[in-house]
């Protein structure tokens, strides 16, 4: 089994390109040490430490819709909901080392379960192996 270094995601709102097209699907790769160190030399990050996430995401996002070269300006123009989603997605794939997921409760029956953030599939642990089941 190959080591997985890229993860697909779906943005909550979507990236609006210069032509007004909305792109929700994208791909993010695992960060390297270089990805986390080089942005610290960027003048924008030195002037405003909060800018670090913008530069970092522009380095590790490999695709937004049909766009394959993601710039700092692209990340700057994301809706705040999508930026927050990508920050959490980055943290989950790089710090937790697995498929990004959220623990949620059904509002109807209060049953708790995990949802894979990439596919939307329910993760139940009832299959004895991967802990994944189909969407429900």
Protein backbone atom coordinates (compact mmCIF):
# COMPACT_ATOMS: atom_id res chain seq x y z
CA UNK A 1 0.00 0.00 0.00
CA UNK A 2 1.44 3.35 -1.05
CA UNK A 3 1.92 6.17 1.42
CA UNK A 4 -0.81 8.75 0.84
CA UNK A 5 0.52 12.29 0.41
CA UNK A 6 -2.43 14.05 -1.26
CA UNK A 7 -5.95 14.45 0.07
CA UNK A 8 -9.05 15.65 -1.76
CA UNK A 9 -11.41 18.14 -0.16
CA UNK A 10 -14.69 19.89 -0.88
CA UNK A 11 -14.98 23.53 0.19
CA UNK A 12 -18.12 24.57 2.06
CA UNK A 13 -18.72 27.67 -0.12
CA UNK A 14 -16.29 27.44 -3.01
CA UNK A 15 -13.46 29.37 -4.63
CA UNK A 16 -14.67 31.99 -7.12
CA UNK A 17 -12.17 32.46 -9.94
CA UNK A 18 -11.59 35.67 -11.93
CA UNK A 19 -14.28 34.61 -14.44
CA UNK A 20 -16.88 34.12 -11.70
CA UNK A 21 -16.79 30.30 -11.80
CA UNK A 22 -17.20 28.54 -8.45
CA UNK A 23 -14.86 25.64 -7.64
CA UNK A 24 -15.52 23.47 -4.59
CA UNK A 25 -13.26 20.46 -5.12
CA UNK A 26 -9.54 20.58 -4.53
CA UNK A 27 -6.46 18.69 -3.43
CA UNK A 28 -3.98 19.37 -0.65
CA UNK A 29 -0.66 17.59 -0.18
CA UNK A 30 1.14 16.90 3.05
CA UNK A 31 3.43 19.74 4.12
CA UNK A 32 7.18 19.41 4.19
CA UNK A 33 9.55 21.12 6.61
CA UNK A 34 10.42 23.50 3.77
CA UNK A 35 6.73 24.42 3.38
CA UNK A 36 6.61 25.49 7.01
CA UNK A 37 10.00 27.25 7.13
CA UNK A 38 10.17 29.25 3.89
CA UNK A 39 7.01 31.32 4.53
CA UNK A 40 8.72 32.70 7.65
CA UNK A 41 11.09 34.55 5.30
CA UNK A 42 8.21 36.15 3.38
CA UNK A 43 7.99 39.90 4.06
CA UNK A 44 4.20 39.68 4.42
CA UNK A 45 4.53 37.08 7.18
CA UNK A 46 7.25 39.10 8.89
CA UNK A 47 4.98 42.14 8.88
CA UNK A 48 1.90 40.21 10.02
CA UNK A 49 2.31 36.73 11.54
CA UNK A 50 -1.36 35.93 10.78
CA UNK A 51 -0.40 35.93 7.09
CA UNK A 52 1.55 32.70 7.60
CA UNK A 53 -1.50 30.51 6.98
CA UNK A 54 -2.19 32.27 3.66
CA UNK A 55 1.31 31.66 2.32
CA UNK A 56 1.44 28.13 3.71
CA UNK A 57 -1.86 27.09 2.14
CA UNK A 58 -0.78 28.50 -1.23
CA UNK A 59 2.18 26.11 -1.09
CA UNK A 60 0.32 22.91 -0.16
CA UNK A 61 -2.93 23.22 -2.11
CA UNK A 62 -2.20 21.58 -5.44
CA UNK A 63 -5.58 22.06 -7.10
CA UNK A 64 -8.71 24.20 -6.74
CA UNK A 65 -11.28 23.17 -9.34
CA UNK A 66 -9.42 23.06 -12.65
CA UNK A 67 -6.75 25.49 -11.43
CA UNK A 68 -3.44 23.77 -10.67
CA UNK A 69 -1.25 26.74 -9.77
CA UNK A 70 -2.56 28.23 -6.54
CA UNK A 71 -1.29 31.69 -5.64
CA UNK A 72 -1.29 33.69 -2.43
CA UNK A 73 -3.87 35.96 -4.05
CA UNK A 74 -6.17 32.96 -4.63
CA UNK A 75 -6.03 32.08 -0.93
CA UNK A 76 -6.58 35.74 0.02
CA UNK A 77 -9.80 35.72 -2.01
CA UNK A 78 -11.35 32.66 -0.35
CA UNK A 79 -14.44 33.15 1.75
CA UNK A 80 -13.60 33.08 5.47
CA UNK A 81 -15.60 29.86 5.91
CA UNK A 82 -13.45 28.13 3.29
CA UNK A 83 -10.23 29.50 4.80
CA UNK A 84 -11.22 28.15 8.23
CA UNK A 85 -12.12 24.79 6.64
CA UNK A 86 -8.72 24.59 4.90
CA UNK A 87 -6.84 25.50 8.08
CA UNK A 88 -8.59 22.65 9.91
CA UNK A 89 -8.08 20.29 6.98
CA UNK A 90 -4.34 21.14 6.95
CA UNK A 91 -4.09 20.52 10.68
CA UNK A 92 -5.87 17.20 10.47
CA UNK A 93 -3.84 15.71 7.62
CA UNK A 94 -0.49 17.01 8.88
CA UNK A 95 -0.79 16.77 12.66
CA UNK A 96 -3.21 13.90 13.19
CA UNK A 97 -1.76 11.82 10.39
CA UNK A 98 -4.92 10.31 9.04
CA UNK A 99 -7.99 10.93 7.00
CA UNK A 100 -9.52 14.17 8.22
CA UNK A 101 -12.79 13.56 10.04
CA UNK A 102 -15.27 15.29 12.32
CA UNK A 103 -17.16 13.75 15.23
CA UNK A 104 -20.83 14.72 14.98
CA UNK A 105 -24.23 13.82 16.42
CA UNK A 106 -27.40 13.26 14.41
CA UNK A 107 -29.86 16.05 15.28
CA UNK A 108 -32.78 13.61 14.90
CA UNK A 109 -31.69 10.60 16.94
CA UNK A 110 -28.59 11.96 18.78
CA UNK A 111 -26.49 9.01 17.54
CA UNK A 112 -22.81 9.99 17.42
CA UNK A 113 -20.47 9.08 14.58
CA UNK A 114 -17.48 10.33 12.61
CA UNK A 115 -17.76 11.76 9.10
CA UNK A 116 -14.86 11.60 6.66
CA UNK A 117 -14.29 15.24 5.60
CA UNK A 118 -13.03 14.17 2.19
CA UNK A 119 -15.74 11.78 1.03
CA UNK A 120 -18.62 12.52 3.38
CA UNK A 121 -18.75 8.81 4.25
CA UNK A 122 -19.76 7.72 7.73
CA UNK A 123 -16.97 6.12 9.76
CA UNK A 124 -18.52 3.62 12.15
CA UNK A 125 -15.85 1.09 13.10
CA UNK A 126 -18.38 -1.73 12.68
CA UNK A 127 -16.58 -3.36 9.75
CA UNK A 128 -13.73 -4.54 11.96
CA UNK A 129 -10.98 -3.15 9.76
CA UNK A 130 -10.76 0.32 8.38
CA UNK A 131 -13.70 1.62 10.36
CA UNK A 132 -15.41 2.87 7.23
CA UNK A 133 -18.87 2.27 5.97
CA UNK A 134 -20.83 3.67 3.08
CA UNK A 135 -22.56 7.00 3.17
CA UNK A 136 -25.72 7.05 5.18
